[in-house]
């Protein structure tokens, strides 16, 4: 399954990120609009296409590795 990770650096703590996930490109566009409405500049926003496993045991391992 393909998901999109949309993030930008935190204004409070530059080392941390604000992250949201989307399942479609339309979702990515909406998240970016929301980020920009809060003052984030377009060049600060990054989008990463992520392949997420769908089998239960692989999904649990994937989630645990990322601390989700």
N, C-alpha and C. Protein backbone atom coordinates (compact mmCIF):
# COMPACT_ATOMS: atom_id res chain seq x y z
N UNK A 1 0.85 -1.16 0.00
CA UNK A 1 0.00 0.00 0.00
C UNK A 1 0.90 1.23 0.00
N UNK A 2 0.55 2.23 -0.78
CA UNK A 2 1.33 3.44 -0.87
C UNK A 2 0.68 4.55 -0.06
N UNK A 3 1.47 5.19 0.79
CA UNK A 3 1.02 6.36 1.53
C UNK A 3 2.01 7.49 1.28
N UNK A 4 1.59 8.69 1.59
CA UNK A 4 2.43 9.86 1.42
C UNK A 4 2.66 10.51 2.78
N UNK A 5 3.93 10.73 3.10
CA UNK A 5 4.32 11.38 4.35
C UNK A 5 4.62 12.84 4.03
N UNK A 6 3.85 13.74 4.60
CA UNK A 6 4.01 15.18 4.34
C UNK A 6 4.48 15.81 5.64
N UNK A 7 5.58 16.56 5.57
CA UNK A 7 6.15 17.09 6.81
C UNK A 7 6.77 18.47 6.59
N UNK A 8 7.00 19.14 7.70
CA UNK A 8 7.75 20.39 7.72
C UNK A 8 8.39 20.54 9.09
N UNK A 9 9.50 21.31 9.17
CA UNK A 9 10.15 21.51 10.47
C UNK A 9 9.22 22.23 11.44
N UNK A 10 9.29 21.85 12.69
CA UNK A 10 8.48 22.49 13.71
C UNK A 10 8.97 23.91 13.96
N UNK A 11 8.04 24.84 14.08
CA UNK A 11 8.40 26.23 14.37
C UNK A 11 8.88 26.38 15.81
N UNK A 12 8.44 25.46 16.67
CA UNK A 12 8.80 25.52 18.09
C UNK A 12 10.18 24.91 18.31
N UNK A 13 10.44 23.79 17.69
CA UNK A 13 11.70 23.08 17.87
C UNK A 13 12.18 22.64 16.49
N UNK A 14 13.14 23.34 15.94
CA UNK A 14 13.62 23.10 14.59
C UNK A 14 14.10 21.69 14.31
N UNK A 15 14.40 20.93 15.36
CA UNK A 15 14.88 19.56 15.16
C UNK A 15 13.73 18.58 14.97
N UNK A 16 12.55 18.93 15.41
CA UNK A 16 11.40 18.03 15.28
C UNK A 16 10.61 18.40 14.04
N UNK A 17 9.81 17.44 13.58
CA UNK A 17 8.99 17.67 12.40
C UNK A 17 7.51 17.57 12.75
N UNK A 18 6.70 18.28 12.00
CA UNK A 18 5.26 18.11 12.03
C UNK A 18 4.96 17.19 10.86
N UNK A 19 4.30 16.06 11.12
CA UNK A 19 4.08 15.06 10.09
C UNK A 19 2.61 14.72 9.99
N UNK A 20 2.12 14.62 8.76
CA UNK A 20 0.78 14.11 8.49
C UNK A 20 0.89 13.11 7.35
N UNK A 21 -0.04 12.18 7.32
CA UNK A 21 -0.04 11.13 6.31
C UNK A 21 -1.27 11.28 5.42
N UNK A 22 -1.09 10.94 4.14
CA UNK A 22 -2.20 10.99 3.18
C UNK A 22 -2.18 9.71 2.34
N UNK A 23 -3.35 9.32 1.89
CA UNK A 23 -3.46 8.12 1.07
C UNK A 23 -3.55 8.42 -0.42
N UNK A 24 -3.74 9.70 -0.77
CA UNK A 24 -3.87 10.10 -2.17
C UNK A 24 -3.11 11.40 -2.42
N UNK A 25 -2.85 11.68 -3.69
CA UNK A 25 -2.22 12.95 -4.04
C UNK A 25 -3.13 14.12 -3.67
N UNK A 26 -4.45 13.93 -3.81
CA UNK A 26 -5.39 14.98 -3.41
C UNK A 26 -5.27 15.27 -1.92
N UNK A 27 -5.06 14.24 -1.14
CA UNK A 27 -4.85 14.41 0.30
C UNK A 27 -3.57 15.18 0.58
N UNK A 28 -2.53 14.93 -0.20
CA UNK A 28 -1.27 15.65 -0.06
C UNK A 28 -1.48 17.14 -0.31
N UNK A 29 -2.21 17.46 -1.37
CA UNK A 29 -2.49 18.85 -1.71
C UNK A 29 -3.22 19.55 -0.56
N UNK A 30 -4.20 18.87 0.01
CA UNK A 30 -4.97 19.46 1.11
C UNK A 30 -4.08 19.70 2.34
N UNK A 31 -3.22 18.74 2.65
CA UNK A 31 -2.31 18.91 3.79
C UNK A 31 -1.37 20.09 3.56
N UNK A 32 -0.83 20.18 2.34
CA UNK A 32 0.07 21.29 2.03
C UNK A 32 -0.65 22.63 2.16
N UNK A 33 -1.89 22.71 1.69
CA UNK A 33 -2.67 23.94 1.83
C UNK A 33 -2.83 24.31 3.30
N UNK A 34 -3.14 23.30 4.12
CA UNK A 34 -3.32 23.54 5.55
C UNK A 34 -2.01 24.03 6.18
N UNK A 35 -0.90 23.40 5.83
CA UNK A 35 0.40 23.84 6.35
C UNK A 35 0.66 25.29 5.95
N UNK A 36 0.43 25.65 4.69
CA UNK A 36 0.72 26.99 4.21
C UNK A 36 -0.21 28.03 4.85
N UNK A 37 -1.43 27.63 5.17
CA UNK A 37 -2.35 28.55 5.85
C UNK A 37 -1.86 28.90 7.25
N UNK A 38 -1.03 28.03 7.83
CA UNK A 38 -0.49 28.30 9.16
C UNK A 38 0.87 29.01 9.10
N UNK A 39 1.28 29.42 7.88
CA UNK A 39 2.50 30.21 7.74
C UNK A 39 3.72 29.44 7.27
N UNK A 40 3.60 28.16 7.00
CA UNK A 40 4.73 27.37 6.53
C UNK A 40 4.95 27.68 5.05
N UNK A 41 6.20 27.90 4.66
CA UNK A 41 6.50 28.18 3.27
C UNK A 41 6.55 26.88 2.47
N UNK A 42 6.15 26.95 1.20
CA UNK A 42 6.08 25.76 0.34
C UNK A 42 7.42 24.99 0.31
N UNK A 43 8.54 25.73 0.26
CA UNK A 43 9.84 25.06 0.17
C UNK A 43 10.23 24.33 1.46
N UNK A 44 9.54 24.62 2.56
CA UNK A 44 9.80 23.93 3.83
C UNK A 44 9.05 22.60 3.92
N UNK A 45 8.09 22.40 3.04
CA UNK A 45 7.26 21.19 3.09
C UNK A 45 7.87 20.11 2.23
N UNK A 46 8.01 18.93 2.80
CA UNK A 46 8.53 17.80 2.02
C UNK A 46 7.48 16.69 1.96
N UNK A 47 7.49 16.00 0.84
CA UNK A 47 6.56 14.89 0.63
C UNK A 47 7.37 13.66 0.26
N UNK A 48 7.09 12.58 0.94
CA UNK A 48 7.80 11.32 0.70
C UNK A 48 6.77 10.23 0.42
N UNK A 49 6.99 9.50 -0.66
CA UNK A 49 6.13 8.36 -0.99
C UNK A 49 6.66 7.14 -0.22
N UNK A 50 5.79 6.51 0.55
CA UNK A 50 6.20 5.41 1.41
C UNK A 50 5.39 4.16 1.08
N UNK A 51 6.08 3.06 0.90
CA UNK A 51 5.41 1.78 0.68
C UNK A 51 5.17 1.14 2.05
N UNK A 52 3.92 0.93 2.38
CA UNK A 52 3.55 0.37 3.69
C UNK A 52 3.07 -1.07 3.49
N UNK A 53 3.62 -2.01 4.26
CA UNK A 53 3.19 -3.40 4.11
C UNK A 53 1.73 -3.59 4.54
N UNK A 54 1.07 -4.56 3.94
CA UNK A 54 -0.33 -4.80 4.26
C UNK A 54 -0.55 -6.07 5.08
N UNK A 55 0.43 -6.97 5.10
CA UNK A 55 0.31 -8.16 5.94
C UNK A 55 0.45 -7.75 7.40
N UNK A 56 -0.38 -8.32 8.25
CA UNK A 56 -0.46 -7.89 9.64
C UNK A 56 0.90 -7.90 10.35
N UNK A 57 1.65 -9.01 10.27
CA UNK A 57 2.92 -9.10 11.00
C UNK A 57 3.95 -8.10 10.45
N UNK A 58 3.97 -7.91 9.12
CA UNK A 58 4.90 -6.93 8.53
C UNK A 58 4.49 -5.50 8.88
N UNK A 59 3.18 -5.25 8.90
CA UNK A 59 2.69 -3.92 9.25
C UNK A 59 3.03 -3.57 10.69
N UNK A 60 2.83 -4.50 11.60
CA UNK A 60 3.15 -4.26 13.02
C UNK A 60 4.64 -3.97 13.17
N UNK A 61 5.48 -4.73 12.50
CA UNK A 61 6.93 -4.50 12.56
C UNK A 61 7.27 -3.11 12.00
N UNK A 62 6.65 -2.75 10.88
CA UNK A 62 6.89 -1.44 10.24
C UNK A 62 6.49 -0.32 11.20
N UNK A 63 5.33 -0.44 11.82
CA UNK A 63 4.86 0.59 12.76
C UNK A 63 5.78 0.69 13.98
N UNK A 64 6.20 -0.44 14.50
CA UNK A 64 7.09 -0.43 15.67
C UNK A 64 8.45 0.20 15.35
N UNK A 65 8.97 -0.05 14.15
CA UNK A 65 10.25 0.54 13.75
C UNK A 65 10.19 2.06 13.71
N UNK A 66 9.02 2.57 13.38
CA UNK A 66 8.85 4.02 13.24
C UNK A 66 8.26 4.67 14.48
N UNK A 67 7.97 3.89 15.49
CA UNK A 67 7.43 4.44 16.74
C UNK A 67 6.04 5.04 16.58
N UNK A 68 5.27 4.47 15.68
CA UNK A 68 3.92 4.98 15.43
C UNK A 68 2.94 4.34 16.39
